[in-house]
Amino acid sequence: MDQIYPDNGLVWMLQRIVLSGSGPIFKLFTSNTTPTLADTIATYTFTTDIPQQQVAGSAFTFTQVAAHIGSIQAPNVVFTNVGGSSHTVYGYVILDPTSTFLIGAARFDDAPVVMAPADTRVVTPILGDYSGLAA
């Protein structure tokens, strides 16, 4: 039997997910990867020159539901290349607060992006899901 999550139930679940623990971690990846459903953290490579950003669960205050797609959003985070060399980045991953579980990933529309030392990249933290099943 199929489970259906009403739109407001989906948003409630997403809010509870981010409020548990310290909040999700967003991290830019340097591997030329197109995210797939089979990915794990090991699918991606990272550089310590662009530090990860942890977003507090309480920062996810904007919610939206449209066409049975629910999302919650926090204010933008800014990634900075703090190293002494350029890095090419392709997108970002979302990890659990302990960095042991891949929650999601996105490839930048303008990938690849070269970040020289001190360059920044802005990412809008959004978590979402589909709240219905196709007929």
Protein backbone atom coordinates (compact mmCIF):
# COMPACT_ATOMS: atom_id res chain seq x y z
CA MET A 1 0.00 0.00 0.00
CA ASP A 2 1.24 3.49 -0.83
CA GLN A 3 1.78 6.14 1.82
CA ILE A 4 0.71 9.67 0.97
CA TYR A 5 2.10 12.65 2.83
CA PRO A 6 -0.26 15.64 2.75
CA ASP A 7 1.52 18.89 1.93
CA ASN A 8 1.41 20.32 5.45
CA GLY A 9 2.52 16.95 6.88
CA LEU A 10 5.56 17.00 4.62
CA VAL A 11 6.57 20.49 5.77
CA TRP A 12 6.09 19.40 9.40
CA MET A 13 8.42 16.42 8.83
CA LEU A 14 11.08 18.57 7.15
CA GLN A 15 10.99 21.06 10.02
CA ARG A 16 11.42 18.28 12.59
CA ILE A 17 14.35 16.84 10.64
CA VAL A 18 16.34 20.07 10.73
CA LEU A 19 15.45 20.78 14.35
CA SER A 20 16.93 17.47 15.48
CA GLY A 21 20.62 17.72 16.25
CA SER A 22 22.82 20.66 15.31
CA GLY A 23 21.43 21.26 11.83
CA PRO A 24 22.58 20.03 8.41
CA ILE A 25 26.02 20.66 6.95
CA PHE A 26 26.44 22.16 3.48
CA LYS A 27 29.73 21.48 1.70
CA LEU A 28 31.01 22.32 -1.80
CA PHE A 29 32.34 19.39 -3.82
CA THR A 30 35.32 19.45 -6.16
CA SER A 31 34.65 16.23 -8.07
CA ASN A 32 33.05 16.52 -11.52
CA THR A 33 29.99 14.65 -10.30
CA THR A 34 26.38 14.74 -11.42
CA PRO A 35 24.29 13.69 -8.40
CA THR A 36 22.29 10.45 -8.64
CA LEU A 37 20.00 8.50 -6.32
CA ALA A 38 22.75 5.92 -5.69
CA ASP A 39 25.28 8.44 -4.32
CA THR A 40 26.98 8.28 -0.93
CA ILE A 41 29.43 10.68 0.68
CA ALA A 42 32.24 8.66 -0.91
CA THR A 43 30.92 9.68 -4.35
CA TYR A 44 32.18 13.23 -3.78
CA THR A 45 35.55 14.86 -3.13
CA PHE A 46 36.11 18.02 -1.12
CA THR A 47 38.82 20.51 -0.22
CA THR A 48 39.53 21.84 3.25
CA ASP A 49 40.34 25.20 1.64
CA ILE A 50 36.59 25.85 1.34
CA PRO A 51 35.19 25.18 4.83
CA GLN A 52 31.81 23.54 5.25
CA GLN A 53 28.88 25.52 6.63
CA GLN A 54 26.58 24.13 9.32
CA VAL A 55 23.11 25.67 9.26
CA ALA A 56 21.21 25.67 12.54
CA GLY A 57 17.85 23.97 12.32
CA SER A 58 16.19 27.06 13.76
CA ALA A 59 17.43 29.07 10.73
CA PHE A 60 15.04 27.17 8.42
CA THR A 61 12.10 29.53 8.87
CA PHE A 62 10.73 29.90 5.33
CA THR A 63 8.38 27.13 4.19
CA GLN A 64 6.71 26.67 0.85
CA VAL A 65 4.45 24.11 -0.79
CA ALA A 66 3.64 24.23 -4.50
CA ALA A 67 2.37 21.39 -6.70
CA HIS A 68 2.92 18.94 -3.81
CA ILE A 69 6.59 19.87 -3.49
CA GLY A 70 7.38 21.09 0.00
CA SER A 71 10.52 22.92 1.02
CA ILE A 72 12.05 24.70 3.93
CA GLN A 73 14.70 27.36 3.51
CA ALA A 74 17.31 29.17 5.62
CA PRO A 75 19.19 32.40 4.87
CA ASN A 76 22.04 32.19 2.37
CA VAL A 77 25.40 30.80 3.42
CA VAL A 78 28.66 32.08 1.95
CA PHE A 79 31.52 29.73 1.14
CA THR A 80 34.99 31.27 0.93
CA ASN A 81 38.16 29.80 -0.52
CA VAL A 82 40.53 30.37 2.41
CA GLY A 83 43.44 28.51 0.78
CA GLY A 84 46.32 29.77 -1.29
CA SER A 85 45.31 28.15 -4.59
CA SER A 86 42.28 28.05 -6.88
CA HIS A 87 39.75 25.22 -6.69
CA THR A 88 37.14 24.12 -9.19
CA VAL A 89 33.79 23.33 -7.59
CA TYR A 90 30.78 21.68 -9.18
CA GLY A 91 28.04 21.90 -6.57
CA TYR A 92 27.22 21.17 -2.95
CA VAL A 93 26.17 18.30 -0.75
CA ILE A 94 23.95 18.33 2.31
CA LEU A 95 25.12 16.13 5.17
CA ASP A 96 23.69 15.21 8.54
CA PRO A 97 25.15 17.06 11.58
CA THR A 98 27.80 14.35 12.10
CA SER A 99 28.94 14.33 8.44
CA THR A 100 28.31 10.60 8.18
CA PHE A 101 25.18 10.54 6.00
CA LEU A 102 24.47 12.13 2.62
CA ILE A 103 21.07 13.84 2.68
CA GLY A 104 21.19 15.45 -0.75
CA ALA A 105 23.34 17.02 -3.44
CA ALA A 106 23.03 19.61 -6.18
CA ARG A 107 25.22 20.48 -9.14
CA PHE A 108 25.56 24.19 -9.90
CA ASP A 109 23.79 25.27 -13.09
CA ASP A 110 26.96 27.14 -14.08
CA ALA A 111 29.40 24.33 -13.14
CA PRO A 112 32.32 24.17 -13.20
CA VAL A 113 33.08 27.22 -11.07
CA VAL A 114 36.69 28.21 -10.40
CA MET A 115 37.17 29.78 -6.98
CA ALA A 116 40.45 31.69 -6.67
CA PRO A 117 41.84 32.42 -3.20
CA ALA A 118 39.39 34.63 -1.25
CA ASP A 119 36.59 34.04 -3.81
CA THR A 120 33.14 33.40 -2.42
CA ARG A 121 30.11 31.38 -3.52
CA VAL A 122 26.61 31.88 -2.11
CA VAL A 123 24.27 28.91 -1.59
CA THR A 124 20.66 29.09 -0.44
CA PRO A 125 20.03 26.23 2.02
CA ILE A 126 16.86 24.49 0.90
CA LEU A 127 15.57 21.07 1.88
CA GLY A 128 12.55 19.67 0.11
CA ASP A 129 10.60 16.63 -0.91
CA TYR A 130 7.67 15.51 -2.97
CA SER A 131 4.47 14.93 -1.01
CA GLY A 132 2.43 12.80 -3.39
CA LEU A 133 2.73 9.75 -5.59
CA ALA A 134 2.32 9.76 -9.37
CA ALA A 135 -0.90 8.21 -10.62
